[in-house]
Amino acid sequence: MQEENNPSTSDAANPAPASSSSVNSKPVADNAVAWERETLERLVMAQLTEQRHARRWRIGFRMFWTLLFLAGLWYSFHHGKTANNATHPAAHTALVEIKGEIDSDTNANAEWIIDSMRQAFEDDGAKAVVLLINSPGGSPVQAGMINDEIKRLKNLHQKPVYVVVEETCASAAYYIAAGADKIFVDKASIVGSIGVLMDGFGFTGLMDKVGVERRLMTAGENKGFLDPFSNPTKTQKVHAQNLLDQIHQQFIAVVREGRGDRLKETPEIFSGLFWSGQQAIELGLADGYGTLDSVARDVVKAEDIVDYTRQDNVAERLAKRFGAAMGEAMVKSSLHLLPHIR
């Protein structure tokens, strides 16, 4: 009976089992840490895999565009800058277009036009060369170079050169046309403008009104000649006029040589005026009406037309853009090197 009433002895002999939460807490914590570590490793590996894939795509795209660029260069340079490498009819009319402003920085520049004409003349199947002109004029230097080459190539290859005028053949464009054997126009074409100009703007009056002072320093008393913010002297005006008159006389001599007895000179014909195609025929500035097709069919007697005009190809456009980008980058870098004062 005493043993039954002694709880302490029973508890000491039979200790209570440990709590299940305290027994299992350590494995649960270990599992949580392992799960977090595994998840983190998976995320890192996924990130690395994605970066590798992105890097491969970037390399692939760069290689693609590089190959495309090289293919464009190869195509441009191996397929020629004109149609001269194509298979041409045995007898055809060679076409060279002169369109837009005649200038060294445009497609209607002396280098390209002369290159096109040379290839046209050198093709044995070309019975004649037709210059299709639609231009308001431009540089007398570029026009003079083309006119001289027309005369040289005609004598060298003994082939005729004809000009077909579309809307306009004025100033430097007519300088070129004067070297042809015959000039054909539409009755409404604009022809002539045999003159020379030098234009610009003067802002001296405006500067006086707004209180702006021009500070120009030169070495040489005429170095600032034609500066729009300074008044030209009387001597400078005379010099400029003599220069224009000399170039004008060169233009007149070319027209007289090219048109010969067909030209009906009047006091206005070399004044810089321009005329319709109908008036140009009456004055001897043109020979008759005609289009490219009609001249090829009725004058050259070779209806097939082959275009030898050199075009701005892919490689040249890319080179121009690359050159412009490089120039801009060089300017920006040079500006960063300059001292700044604030």
C-alpha atoms as a PDB file:
ATOM      1  CA  MET A   1       0.000   0.000   0.000  1.00  0.00           C
ATOM      2  CA  GLN A   2       2.869   2.367   0.703  1.00  0.00           C
ATOM      3  CA  GLU A   3       4.424   1.637  -2.680  1.00  0.00           C
ATOM      4  CA  GLU A   4       1.192   2.536  -4.468  1.00  0.00           C
ATOM      5  CA  ASN A   5       1.082   5.878  -2.706  1.00  0.00           C
ATOM      6  CA  ASN A   6       4.663   6.902  -3.673  1.00  0.00           C
ATOM      7  CA  PRO A   7       4.448   8.625  -6.995  1.00  0.00           C
ATOM      8  CA  SER A   8       7.982   9.894  -6.917  1.00  0.00           C
ATOM      9  CA  THR A   9       9.367   6.397  -6.850  1.00  0.00           C
ATOM     10  CA  SER A  10       7.202   5.417  -9.854  1.00  0.00           C
ATOM     11  CA  ASP A  11       8.196   8.488 -11.855  1.00  0.00           C
ATOM     12  CA  ALA A  12      11.854   7.964 -11.197  1.00  0.00           C
ATOM     13  CA  ALA A  13      11.674   4.356 -12.249  1.00  0.00           C
ATOM     14  CA  ASN A  14       9.713   5.151 -15.393  1.00  0.00           C
ATOM     15  CA  PRO A  15      10.843   8.506 -16.824  1.00  0.00           C
ATOM     16  CA  ALA A  16       8.429  10.209 -19.299  1.00  0.00           C
ATOM     17  CA  PRO A  17       9.311   9.912 -23.007  1.00  0.00           C
ATOM     18  CA  ALA A  18      10.760  12.999 -24.743  1.00  0.00           C
ATOM     19  CA  SER A  19       8.421  15.322 -26.685  1.00  0.00           C
ATOM     20  CA  SER A  20       8.035  14.378 -30.391  1.00  0.00           C
ATOM     21  CA  SER A  21       8.499  18.012 -31.476  1.00  0.00           C
ATOM     22  CA  SER A  22      11.861  18.299 -29.836  1.00  0.00           C
ATOM     23  CA  VAL A  23      12.963  14.985 -31.365  1.00  0.00           C
ATOM     24  CA  ASN A  24      11.990  15.906 -34.950  1.00  0.00           C
ATOM     25  CA  SER A  25      12.949  19.645 -34.971  1.00  0.00           C
ATOM     26  CA  LYS A  26      16.560  19.055 -36.039  1.00  0.00           C
ATOM     27  CA  PRO A  27      15.789  16.880 -39.103  1.00  0.00           C
ATOM     28  CA  VAL A  28      13.104  19.350 -40.248  1.00  0.00           C
ATOM     29  CA  ALA A  29      15.542  22.255 -40.011  1.00  0.00           C
ATOM     30  CA  ASP A  30      18.140  20.260 -41.952  1.00  0.00           C
ATOM     31  CA  ASN A  31      15.585  19.494 -44.662  1.00  0.00           C
ATOM     32  CA  ALA A  32      14.629  23.161 -44.949  1.00  0.00           C
ATOM     33  CA  VAL A  33      18.238  24.242 -45.313  1.00  0.00           C
ATOM     34  CA  ALA A  34      18.858  21.539 -47.923  1.00  0.00           C
ATOM     35  CA  TRP A  35      15.758  22.605 -49.869  1.00  0.00           C
ATOM     36  CA  GLU A  36      16.802  26.251 -49.855  1.00  0.00           C
ATOM     37  CA  ARG A  37      20.314  25.326 -50.964  1.00  0.00           C
ATOM     38  CA  GLU A  38      18.992  23.127 -53.752  1.00  0.00           C
ATOM     39  CA  THR A  39      16.543  25.811 -54.897  1.00  0.00           C
ATOM     40  CA  LEU A  40      19.292  28.441 -54.907  1.00  0.00           C
ATOM     41  CA  GLU A  41      21.582  26.151 -56.895  1.00  0.00           C
ATOM     42  CA  ARG A  42      18.829  25.538 -59.431  1.00  0.00           C
ATOM     43  CA  LEU A  43      18.205  29.260 -59.804  1.00  0.00           C
ATOM     44  CA  VAL A  44      21.912  29.975 -60.272  1.00  0.00           C
ATOM     45  CA  MET A  45      22.277  27.178 -62.843  1.00  0.00           C
ATOM     46  CA  ALA A  46      19.177  28.386 -64.698  1.00  0.00           C
ATOM     47  CA  GLN A  47      20.604  31.925 -64.771  1.00  0.00           C
ATOM     48  CA  LEU A  48      23.940  30.667 -66.068  1.00  0.00           C
ATOM     49  CA  THR A  49      22.224  28.573 -68.731  1.00  0.00           C
ATOM     50  CA  GLU A  50      20.140  31.547 -69.839  1.00  0.00           C
ATOM     51  CA  GLN A  51      23.234  33.744 -70.051  1.00  0.00           C
ATOM     52  CA  ARG A  52      25.042  31.121 -72.132  1.00  0.00           C
ATOM     53  CA  HIS A  53      22.094  30.886 -74.509  1.00  0.00           C
ATOM     54  CA  ALA A  54      21.864  34.674 -74.788  1.00  0.00           C
ATOM     55  CA  ARG A  55      25.595  34.900 -75.474  1.00  0.00           C
ATOM     56  CA  ARG A  56      25.332  32.260 -78.190  1.00  0.00           C
ATOM     57  CA  TRP A  57      22.448  34.139 -79.825  1.00  0.00           C
ATOM     58  CA  ARG A  58      24.416  37.389 -79.748  1.00  0.00           C
ATOM     59  CA  ILE A  59      27.422  35.716 -81.333  1.00  0.00           C
ATOM     60  CA  GLY A  60      25.178  34.083 -83.912  1.00  0.00           C
ATOM     61  CA  PHE A  61      23.497  37.377 -84.842  1.00  0.00           C
ATOM     62  CA  ARG A  62      26.839  39.152 -85.107  1.00  0.00           C
ATOM     63  CA  MET A  63      28.198  36.427 -87.371  1.00  0.00           C
ATOM     64  CA  PHE A  64      25.025  36.571 -89.473  1.00  0.00           C
ATOM     65  CA  TRP A  65      25.220  40.333 -90.005  1.00  0.00           C
ATOM     66  CA  THR A  66      28.959  40.139 -90.678  1.00  0.00           C
ATOM     67  CA  LEU A  67      28.440  37.454 -93.299  1.00  0.00           C
ATOM     68  CA  LEU A  68      25.569  39.435 -94.802  1.00  0.00           C
ATOM     69  CA  PHE A  69      27.752  42.553 -94.986  1.00  0.00           C
ATOM     70  CA  LEU A  70      30.602  40.628 -96.608  1.00  0.00           C
ATOM     71  CA  ALA A  71      28.179  39.022 -99.059  1.00  0.00           C
ATOM     72  CA  GLY A  72      26.868  42.467 -99.988  1.00  0.00           C
ATOM     73  CA  LEU A  73      30.390  43.720-100.580  1.00  0.00           C
ATOM     74  CA  TRP A  74      31.222  40.681-102.690  1.00  0.00           C
ATOM     75  CA  TYR A  75      28.041  41.030-104.738  1.00  0.00           C
ATOM     76  CA  SER A  76      28.555  44.748-105.300  1.00  0.00           C
ATOM     77  CA  PHE A  77      32.160  44.527-106.423  1.00  0.00           C
ATOM     78  CA  HIS A  78      31.904  41.272-108.405  1.00  0.00           C
ATOM     79  CA  HIS A  79      28.740  42.183-110.263  1.00  0.00           C
ATOM     80  CA  GLY A  80      30.044  45.551-111.381  1.00  0.00           C
ATOM     81  CA  LYS A  81      28.817  49.077-110.884  1.00  0.00           C
ATOM     82  CA  THR A  82      26.980  49.238-114.194  1.00  0.00           C
ATOM     83  CA  ALA A  83      25.141  46.838-116.424  1.00  0.00           C
ATOM     84  CA  ASN A  84      28.237  46.179-118.494  1.00  0.00           C
ATOM     85  CA  ASN A  85      28.777  42.669-117.129  1.00  0.00           C
ATOM     86  CA  ALA A  86      25.348  41.491-118.225  1.00  0.00           C
ATOM     87  CA  THR A  87      24.656  39.652-121.449  1.00  0.00           C
ATOM     88  CA  HIS A  88      23.686  42.309-123.962  1.00  0.00           C
ATOM     89  CA  PRO A  89      21.977  42.062-127.323  1.00  0.00           C
ATOM     90  CA  ALA A  90      24.297  42.005-130.314  1.00  0.00           C
ATOM     91  CA  ALA A  91      23.085  45.464-131.345  1.00  0.00           C
ATOM     92  CA  HIS A  92      21.631  47.859-128.794  1.00  0.00           C
ATOM     93  CA  THR A  93      21.377  51.473-127.700  1.00  0.00           C
ATOM     94  CA  ALA A  94      23.546  52.319-124.696  1.00  0.00           C
ATOM     95  CA  LEU A  95      21.872  54.481-122.056  1.00  0.00           C
ATOM     96  CA  VAL A  96      23.518  56.728-119.479  1.00  0.00           C
ATOM     97  CA  GLU A  97      21.237  58.772-117.231  1.00  0.00           C
ATOM     98  CA  ILE A  98      22.143  62.206-115.852  1.00  0.00           C
ATOM     99  CA  LYS A  99      19.538  63.203-113.306  1.00  0.00           C
ATOM    100  CA  GLY A 100      19.474  65.743-110.529  1.00  0.00           C
ATOM    101  CA  GLU A 101      22.073  68.306-109.574  1.00  0.00           C
ATOM    102  CA  ILE A 102      25.457  67.871-111.228  1.00  0.00           C
ATOM    103  CA  ASP A 103      27.922  67.886-108.375  1.00  0.00           C
ATOM    104  CA  SER A 104      30.785  65.829-107.003  1.00  0.00           C
ATOM    105  CA  ASP A 105      28.638  64.810-104.005  1.00  0.00           C
ATOM    106  CA  THR A 106      25.639  63.540-105.998  1.00  0.00           C
ATOM    107  CA  ASN A 107      25.055  60.557-108.276  1.00  0.00           C
ATOM    108  CA  ALA A 108      25.359  62.939-111.239  1.00  0.00           C
ATOM    109  CA  ASN A 109      29.079  63.455-110.710  1.00  0.00           C
ATOM    110  CA  ALA A 110      31.776  63.443-113.368  1.00  0.00           C
ATOM    111  CA  GLU A 111      33.525  60.310-112.123  1.00  0.00           C
ATOM    112  CA  TRP A 112      30.433  58.110-112.260  1.00  0.00           C
ATOM    113  CA  ILE A 113      29.092  59.520-115.522  1.00  0.00           C
ATOM    114  CA  ILE A 114      32.448  59.228-117.273  1.00  0.00           C
ATOM    115  CA  ASP A 115      32.874  55.658-115.999  1.00  0.00           C
ATOM    116  CA  SER A 116      29.410  54.778-117.327  1.00  0.00           C
ATOM    117  CA  MET A 117      30.104  56.365-120.708  1.00  0.00           C
ATOM    118  CA  ARG A 118      33.419  54.563-121.094  1.00  0.00           C
ATOM    119  CA  GLN A 119      31.813  51.192-120.516  1.00  0.00           C
ATOM    120  CA  ALA A 120      29.041  52.048-122.955  1.00  0.00           C
ATOM    121  CA  PHE A 121      31.479  53.115-125.675  1.00  0.00           C
ATOM    122  CA  GLU A 122      33.711  50.084-125.157  1.00  0.00           C
ATOM    123  CA  ASP A 123      30.861  47.624-125.681  1.00  0.00           C
ATOM    124  CA  ASP A 124      31.002  46.508-129.308  1.00  0.00           C
ATOM    125  CA  GLY A 125      27.251  45.882-129.317  1.00  0.00           C
ATOM    126  CA  ALA A 126      26.445  49.512-128.491  1.00  0.00           C
ATOM    127  CA  LYS A 127      25.617  51.288-131.736  1.00  0.00           C
ATOM    128  CA  ALA A 128      25.251  54.685-130.088  1.00  0.00           C
ATOM    129  CA  VAL A 129      25.219  56.265-126.654  1.00  0.00           C
ATOM    130  CA  VAL A 130      22.171  58.179-125.443  1.00  0.00           C
ATOM    131  CA  LEU A 131      22.453  60.557-122.506  1.00  0.00           C
ATOM    132  CA  LEU A 132      19.053  60.852-120.843  1.00  0.00           C
ATOM    133  CA  ILE A 133      19.168  64.214-119.059  1.00  0.00           C
ATOM    134  CA  ASN A 134      16.847  65.688-116.479  1.00  0.00           C
ATOM    135  CA  SER A 135      18.889  68.221-114.528  1.00  0.00           C
ATOM    136  CA  PRO A 136      18.698  71.908-113.590  1.00  0.00           C
ATOM    137  CA  GLY A 137      22.498  72.212-113.734  1.00  0.00           C
ATOM    138  CA  GLY A 138      25.239  72.379-111.182  1.00  0.00           C
ATOM    139  CA  SER A 139      29.010  72.537-111.178  1.00  0.00           C
ATOM    140  CA  PRO A 140      30.673  73.914-114.333  1.00  0.00           C
ATOM    141  CA  VAL A 141      33.805  71.964-113.420  1.00  0.00           C
ATOM    142  CA  GLN A 142      31.979  68.625-113.356  1.00  0.00           C
ATOM    143  CA  ALA A 143      30.124  69.516-116.551  1.00  0.00           C
ATOM    144  CA  GLY A 144      33.326  70.549-118.301  1.00  0.00           C
ATOM    145  CA  MET A 145      35.003  67.254-117.424  1.00  0.00           C
ATOM    146  CA  ILE A 146      32.065  65.279-118.822  1.00  0.00           C
ATOM    147  CA  ASN A 147      31.908  67.406-121.994  1.00  0.00           C
ATOM    148  CA  ASP A 148      35.614  66.874-122.663  1.00  0.00           C
ATOM    149  CA  GLU A 149      35.253  63.118-122.190  1.00  0.00           C
ATOM    150  CA  ILE A 150      32.279  62.972-124.570  1.00  0.00           C
ATOM    151  CA  LYS A 151      34.395  64.496-127.332  1.00  0.00           C
ATOM    152  CA  ARG A 152      37.332  62.205-126.597  1.00  0.00           C
ATOM    153  CA  LEU A 153      35.242  59.030-126.571  1.00  0.00           C
ATOM    154  CA  LYS A 154      33.408  59.981-129.779  1.00  0.00           C
ATOM    155  CA  ASN A 155      36.680  60.413-131.631  1.00  0.00           C
ATOM    156  CA  LEU A 156      38.210  57.282-130.110  1.00  0.00           C
ATOM    157  CA  HIS A 157      35.330  54.866-130.769  1.00  0.00           C
ATOM    158  CA  GLN A 158      33.638  56.587-133.708  1.00  0.00           C
ATOM    159  CA  LYS A 159      30.191  56.220-132.185  1.00  0.00           C
ATOM    160  CA  PRO A 160      27.502  58.911-132.127  1.00  0.00           C
ATOM    161  CA  VAL A 161      26.204  60.451-128.914  1.00  0.00           C
ATOM    162  CA  TYR A 162      22.651  61.692-128.602  1.00  0.00           C
ATOM    163  CA  VAL A 163      20.972  63.604-125.793  1.00  0.00           C
ATOM    164  CA  VAL A 164      17.331  63.079-124.883  1.00  0.00           C
ATOM    165  CA  VAL A 165      15.935  65.778-122.587  1.00  0.00           C
ATOM    166  CA  GLU A 166      13.111  64.979-120.221  1.00  0.00           C
ATOM    167  CA  GLU A 167      11.829  67.926-118.144  1.00  0.00           C
ATOM    168  CA  THR A 168      14.954  70.057-117.817  1.00  0.00           C
ATOM    169  CA  CYS A 169      18.361  70.484-119.418  1.00  0.00           C
ATOM    170  CA  ALA A 170      19.659  73.791-118.113  1.00  0.00           C
ATOM    171  CA  SER A 171      22.927  75.465-117.219  1.00  0.00           C
ATOM    172  CA  ALA A 172      25.630  72.845-116.506  1.00  0.00           C
ATOM    173  CA  ALA A 173      23.347  70.122-117.894  1.00  0.00           C
ATOM    174  CA  TYR A 174      23.234  71.944-121.238  1.00  0.00           C
ATOM    175  CA  TYR A 175      27.022  72.379-120.969  1.00  0.00           C
ATOM    176  CA  ILE A 176      27.165  68.569-121.135  1.00  0.00           C
ATOM    177  CA  ALA A 177      24.504  68.263-123.833  1.00  0.00           C
ATOM    178  CA  ALA A 178      26.373  70.622-126.141  1.00  0.00           C
ATOM    179  CA  GLY A 179      28.969  67.892-126.700  1.00  0.00           C
ATOM    180  CA  ALA A 180      26.426  65.502-128.249  1.00  0.00           C
ATOM    181  CA  ASP A 181      25.839  65.021-131.969  1.00  0.00           C
ATOM    182  CA  LYS A 182      22.127  65.751-131.631  1.00  0.00           C
ATOM    183  CA  ILE A 183      19.785  66.928-128.889  1.00  0.00           C
ATOM    184  CA  PHE A 184      16.171  65.739-128.726  1.00  0.00           C
ATOM    185  CA  VAL A 185      13.562  67.385-126.493  1.00  0.00           C
ATOM    186  CA  ASP A 186       9.892  67.428-125.665  1.00  0.00           C
ATOM    187  CA  LYS A 187       8.051  70.539-126.779  1.00  0.00           C
ATOM    188  CA  ALA A 188       7.549  71.520-123.122  1.00  0.00           C
ATOM    189  CA  SER A 189      11.089  70.743-121.906  1.00  0.00           C
ATOM    190  CA  ILE A 190      13.114  73.541-120.326  1.00  0.00           C
ATOM    191  CA  VAL A 191      16.383  74.125-122.192  1.00  0.00           C
ATOM    192  CA  GLY A 192      19.178  76.687-122.021  1.00  0.00           C
ATOM    193  CA  SER A 193      20.164  78.976-119.155  1.00  0.00           C
ATOM    194  CA  ILE A 194      23.601  79.552-120.641  1.00  0.00           C
ATOM    195  CA  GLY A 195      25.093  81.621-117.872  1.00  0.00           C
ATOM    196  CA  VAL A 196      27.050  81.459-114.625  1.00  0.00           C
ATOM    197  CA  LEU A 197      26.114  82.602-111.146  1.00  0.00           C
ATOM    198  CA  MET A 198      27.662  82.963-107.726  1.00  0.00           C
ATOM    199  CA  ASP A 199      25.094  83.393-104.985  1.00  0.00           C
ATOM    200  CA  GLY A 200      25.014  83.915-101.254  1.00  0.00           C
ATOM    201  CA  PHE A 201      23.481  86.039 -98.508  1.00  0.00           C
ATOM    202  CA  GLY A 202      24.497  89.198 -96.691  1.00  0.00           C
ATOM    203  CA  PHE A 203      23.524  89.785 -93.076  1.00  0.00           C
ATOM    204  CA  THR A 204      25.306  93.066 -92.362  1.00  0.00           C
ATOM    205  CA  GLY A 205      22.101  95.143 -92.184  1.00  0.00           C
ATOM    206  CA  LEU A 206      20.445  92.674 -89.844  1.00  0.00           C
ATOM    207  CA  MET A 207      23.532  92.605 -87.641  1.00  0.00           C
ATOM    208  CA  ASP A 208      23.458  96.387 -87.338  1.00  0.00           C
ATOM    209  CA  LYS A 209      19.813  96.302 -86.273  1.00  0.00           C
ATOM    210  CA  VAL A 210      20.298  93.711 -83.552  1.00  0.00           C
ATOM    211  CA  GLY A 211      23.640  95.123 -82.409  1.00  0.00           C
ATOM    212  CA  VAL A 212      25.890  92.258 -83.460  1.00  0.00           C
ATOM    213  CA  GLU A 213      29.494  93.031 -84.329  1.00  0.00           C
ATOM    214  CA  ARG A 214      31.404  90.793 -86.747  1.00  0.00           C
ATOM    215  CA  ARG A 215      34.961  90.048 -85.642  1.00  0.00           C
ATOM    216  CA  LEU A 216      36.852  88.418 -88.501  1.00  0.00           C
ATOM    217  CA  MET A 217      40.630  88.165 -88.532  1.00  0.00           C
ATOM    218  CA  THR A 218      42.484  87.056 -91.658  1.00  0.00           C
ATOM    219  CA  ALA A 219      46.001  86.806 -93.016  1.00  0.00           C
ATOM    220  CA  GLY A 220      45.592  88.224 -96.506  1.00  0.00           C
ATOM    221  CA  GLU A 221      43.338  91.171 -97.197  1.00  0.00           C
ATOM    222  CA  ASN A 222      40.959  89.169 -99.410  1.00  0.00           C
ATOM    223  CA  LYS A 223      40.842  85.965 -97.368  1.00  0.00           C
ATOM    224  CA  GLY A 224      37.423  86.894 -96.004  1.00  0.00           C
ATOM    225  CA  PHE A 225      36.084  87.443 -99.510  1.00  0.00           C
ATOM    226  CA  LEU A 226      32.374  86.439 -99.792  1.00  0.00           C
ATOM    227  CA  ASP A 227      31.977  86.213 -96.025  1.00  0.00           C
ATOM    228  CA  PRO A 228      28.201  86.711 -95.557  1.00  0.00           C
ATOM    229  CA  PHE A 229      28.750  88.856 -92.461  1.00  0.00           C
ATOM    230  CA  SER A 230      31.069  91.366 -94.145  1.00  0.00           C
ATOM    231  CA  ASN A 231      30.533  93.796 -97.012  1.00  0.00           C
ATOM    232  CA  PRO A 232      32.669  93.001-100.098  1.00  0.00           C
ATOM    233  CA  THR A 233      34.941  95.764-101.306  1.00  0.00           C
ATOM    234  CA  LYS A 234      34.716  97.248-104.791  1.00  0.00           C
ATOM    235  CA  THR A 235      37.889  95.429-105.794  1.00  0.00           C
ATOM    236  CA  GLN A 236      36.464  92.120-104.628  1.00  0.00           C
ATOM    237  CA  LYS A 237      33.257  92.671-106.604  1.00  0.00           C
ATOM    238  CA  VAL A 238      35.254  93.383-109.760  1.00  0.00           C
ATOM    239  CA  HIS A 239      37.359  90.279-109.216  1.00  0.00           C
ATOM    240  CA  ALA A 240      34.280  88.081-108.772  1.00  0.00           C
ATOM    241  CA  GLN A 241      32.649  89.513-111.888  1.00  0.00           C
ATOM    242  CA  ASN A 242      35.791  88.891-113.953  1.00  0.00           C
ATOM    243  CA  LEU A 243      35.828  85.300-112.714  1.00  0.00           C
ATOM    244  CA  LEU A 244      32.179  84.775-113.681  1.00  0.00           C
ATOM    245  CA  ASP A 245      32.690  86.382-117.090  1.00  0.00           C
ATOM    246  CA  GLN A 246      35.626  84.089-117.812  1.00  0.00           C
ATOM    247  CA  ILE A 247      33.671  80.943-116.965  1.00  0.00           C
ATOM    248  CA  HIS A 248      30.745  82.282-118.971  1.00  0.00           C
ATOM    249  CA  GLN A 249      32.945  82.685-122.036  1.00  0.00           C
ATOM    250  CA  GLN A 250      34.139  79.108-121.605  1.00  0.00           C
ATOM    251  CA  PHE A 251      30.498  77.979-121.551  1.00  0.00           C
ATOM    252  CA  ILE A 252      29.701  80.009-124.667  1.00  0.00           C
ATOM    253  CA  ALA A 253      32.693  78.563-126.519  1.00  0.00           C
ATOM    254  CA  VAL A 254      31.566  75.010-125.726  1.00  0.00           C
ATOM    255  CA  VAL A 255      28.035  75.723-126.994  1.00  0.00           C
ATOM    256  CA  ARG A 256      29.288  77.345-130.178  1.00  0.00           C
ATOM    257  CA  GLU A 257      31.659  74.473-130.849  1.00  0.00           C
ATOM    258  CA  GLY A 258      29.026  71.827-130.191  1.00  0.00           C
ATOM    259  CA  ARG A 259      26.113  73.412-132.048  1.00  0.00           C
ATOM    260  CA  GLY A 260      28.050  75.006-134.903  1.00  0.00           C
ATOM    261  CA  ASP A 261      25.973  76.458-137.732  1.00  0.00           C
ATOM    262  CA  ARG A 262      22.749  75.126-136.219  1.00  0.00           C
ATOM    263  CA  LEU A 263      22.893  77.799-133.528  1.00  0.00           C
ATOM    264  CA  LYS A 264      20.933  80.955-134.312  1.00  0.00           C
ATOM    265  CA  GLU A 265      22.586  83.488-132.043  1.00  0.00           C
ATOM    266  CA  THR A 266      20.594  86.349-130.609  1.00  0.00           C
ATOM    267  CA  PRO A 267      21.535  88.925-127.934  1.00  0.00           C
ATOM    268  CA  GLU A 268      19.542  86.881-125.392  1.00  0.00           C
ATOM    269  CA  ILE A 269      20.724  83.380-126.195  1.00  0.00           C
ATOM    270  CA  PHE A 270      23.766  83.587-123.893  1.00  0.00           C
ATOM    271  CA  SER A 271      22.096  85.827-121.301  1.00  0.00           C
ATOM    272  CA  GLY A 272      21.052  83.034-118.965  1.00  0.00           C
ATOM    273  CA  LEU A 273      17.483  82.821-120.236  1.00  0.00           C
ATOM    274  CA  PHE A 274      15.897  79.428-120.768  1.00  0.00           C
ATOM    275  CA  TRP A 275      13.349  78.314-123.339  1.00  0.00           C
ATOM    276  CA  SER A 276      10.781  75.644-124.007  1.00  0.00           C
ATOM    277  CA  GLY A 277      11.740  72.669-126.139  1.00  0.00           C
ATOM    278  CA  GLN A 278       9.870  74.167-129.075  1.00  0.00           C
ATOM    279  CA  GLN A 279      11.780  77.454-128.790  1.00  0.00           C
ATOM    280  CA  ALA A 280      15.059  75.583-128.315  1.00  0.00           C
ATOM    281  CA  ILE A 281      14.588  73.866-131.683  1.00  0.00           C
ATOM    282  CA  GLU A 282      13.859  77.221-133.341  1.00  0.00           C
ATOM    283  CA  LEU A 283      17.014  78.733-131.826  1.00  0.00           C
ATOM    284  CA  GLY A 284      19.188  75.788-132.768  1.00  0.00           C
ATOM    285  CA  LEU A 285      19.751  74.739-129.168  1.00  0.00           C
ATOM    286  CA  ALA A 286      18.061  71.425-129.961  1.00  0.00           C
ATOM    287  CA  ASP A 287      17.532  69.374-133.113  1.00  0.00           C
ATOM    288  CA  GLY A 288      14.073  67.864-132.828  1.00  0.00           C
ATOM    289  CA  TYR A 289      11.473  66.092-130.756  1.00  0.00           C
ATOM    290  CA  GLY A 290      12.155  62.660-129.402  1.00  0.00           C
ATOM    291  CA  THR A 291      12.046  60.277-126.486  1.00  0.00           C
ATOM    292  CA  LEU A 292      14.463  57.579-125.432  1.00  0.00           C
ATOM    293  CA  ASP A 293      12.454  54.889-127.196  1.00  0.00           C
ATOM    294  CA  SER A 294      11.902  56.880-130.375  1.00  0.00           C
ATOM    295  CA  VAL A 295      15.574  57.820-130.656  1.00  0.00           C
ATOM    296  CA  ALA A 296      16.649  54.201-130.115  1.00  0.00           C
ATOM    297  CA  ARG A 297      14.137  52.990-132.679  1.00  0.00           C
ATOM    298  CA  ASP A 298      14.253  55.688-135.371  1.00  0.00           C
ATOM    299  CA  VAL A 299      17.689  57.291-135.029  1.00  0.00           C
ATOM    300  CA  VAL A 300      20.026  54.605-133.662  1.00  0.00           C
ATOM    301  CA  LYS A 301      18.051  51.796-135.319  1.00  0.00           C
ATOM    302  CA  ALA A 302      18.577  49.579-132.283  1.00  0.00           C
ATOM    303  CA  GLU A 303      15.414  49.255-130.207  1.00  0.00           C
ATOM    304  CA  ASP A 304      17.022  47.233-127.412  1.00  0.00           C
ATOM    305  CA  ILE A 305      18.212  49.601-124.685  1.00  0.00           C
ATOM    306  CA  VAL A 306      20.897  48.683-122.158  1.00  0.00           C
ATOM    307  CA  ASP A 307      21.379  50.930-119.119  1.00  0.00           C
ATOM    308  CA  TYR A 308      25.039  51.531-118.246  1.00  0.00           C
ATOM    309  CA  THR A 309      24.302  54.131-115.576  1.00  0.00           C
ATOM    310  CA  ARG A 310      26.353  53.568-112.468  1.00  0.00           C
ATOM    311  CA  GLN A 311      24.205  53.355-109.373  1.00  0.00           C
ATOM    312  CA  ASP A 312      24.940  53.828-105.694  1.00  0.00           C
ATOM    313  CA  ASN A 313      25.297  50.170-104.640  1.00  0.00           C
ATOM    314  CA  VAL A 314      24.924  48.562-101.227  1.00  0.00           C
ATOM    315  CA  ALA A 315      28.630  48.619-100.444  1.00  0.00           C
ATOM    316  CA  GLU A 316      28.941  52.312-101.273  1.00  0.00           C
ATOM    317  CA  ARG A 317      25.903  53.225 -99.187  1.00  0.00           C
ATOM    318  CA  LEU A 318      27.285  51.286 -96.237  1.00  0.00           C
ATOM    319  CA  ALA A 319      30.695  52.866 -96.723  1.00  0.00           C
ATOM    320  CA  LYS A 320      29.136  56.337 -96.766  1.00  0.00           C
ATOM    321  CA  ARG A 321      27.168  55.651 -93.594  1.00  0.00           C
ATOM    322  CA  PHE A 322      30.192  54.133 -91.900  1.00  0.00           C
ATOM    323  CA  GLY A 323      32.320  57.101 -92.933  1.00  0.00           C
ATOM    324  CA  ALA A 324      29.727  59.561 -91.666  1.00  0.00           C
ATOM    325  CA  ALA A 325      29.464  57.687 -88.353  1.00  0.00           C
ATOM    326  CA  MET A 326      33.236  57.586 -87.979  1.00  0.00           C
ATOM    327  CA  GLY A 327      33.488  61.286 -88.789  1.00  0.00           C
ATOM    328  CA  GLU A 328      30.865  62.142 -86.190  1.00  0.00           C
ATOM    329  CA  ALA A 329      32.620  59.993 -83.600  1.00  0.00           C
ATOM    330  CA  MET A 330      35.960  61.657 -84.337  1.00  0.00           C
ATOM    331  CA  VAL A 331      34.430  65.126 -84.000  1.00  0.00           C
ATOM    332  CA  LYS A 332      32.831  64.220 -80.682  1.00  0.00           C
ATOM    333  CA  SER A 333      36.055  62.720 -79.366  1.00  0.00           C
ATOM    334  CA  SER A 334      38.034  65.773 -80.431  1.00  0.00           C
ATOM    335  CA  LEU A 335      35.547  68.064 -78.699  1.00  0.00           C
ATOM    336  CA  HIS A 336      36.033  66.128 -75.471  1.00  0.00           C
ATOM    337  CA  LEU A 337      39.768  66.772 -75.713  1.00  0.00           C
ATOM    338  CA  LEU A 338      39.323  70.542 -75.920  1.00  0.00           C
ATOM    339  CA  PRO A 339      39.649  72.526 -72.694  1.00  0.00           C
ATOM    340  CA  HIS A 340      36.350  73.653 -71.212  1.00  0.00           C
ATOM    341  CA  ILE A 341      35.997  76.976 -69.439  1.00  0.00           C
ATOM    342  CA  ARG A 342      32.810  77.566 -67.431  1.00  0.00           C
END
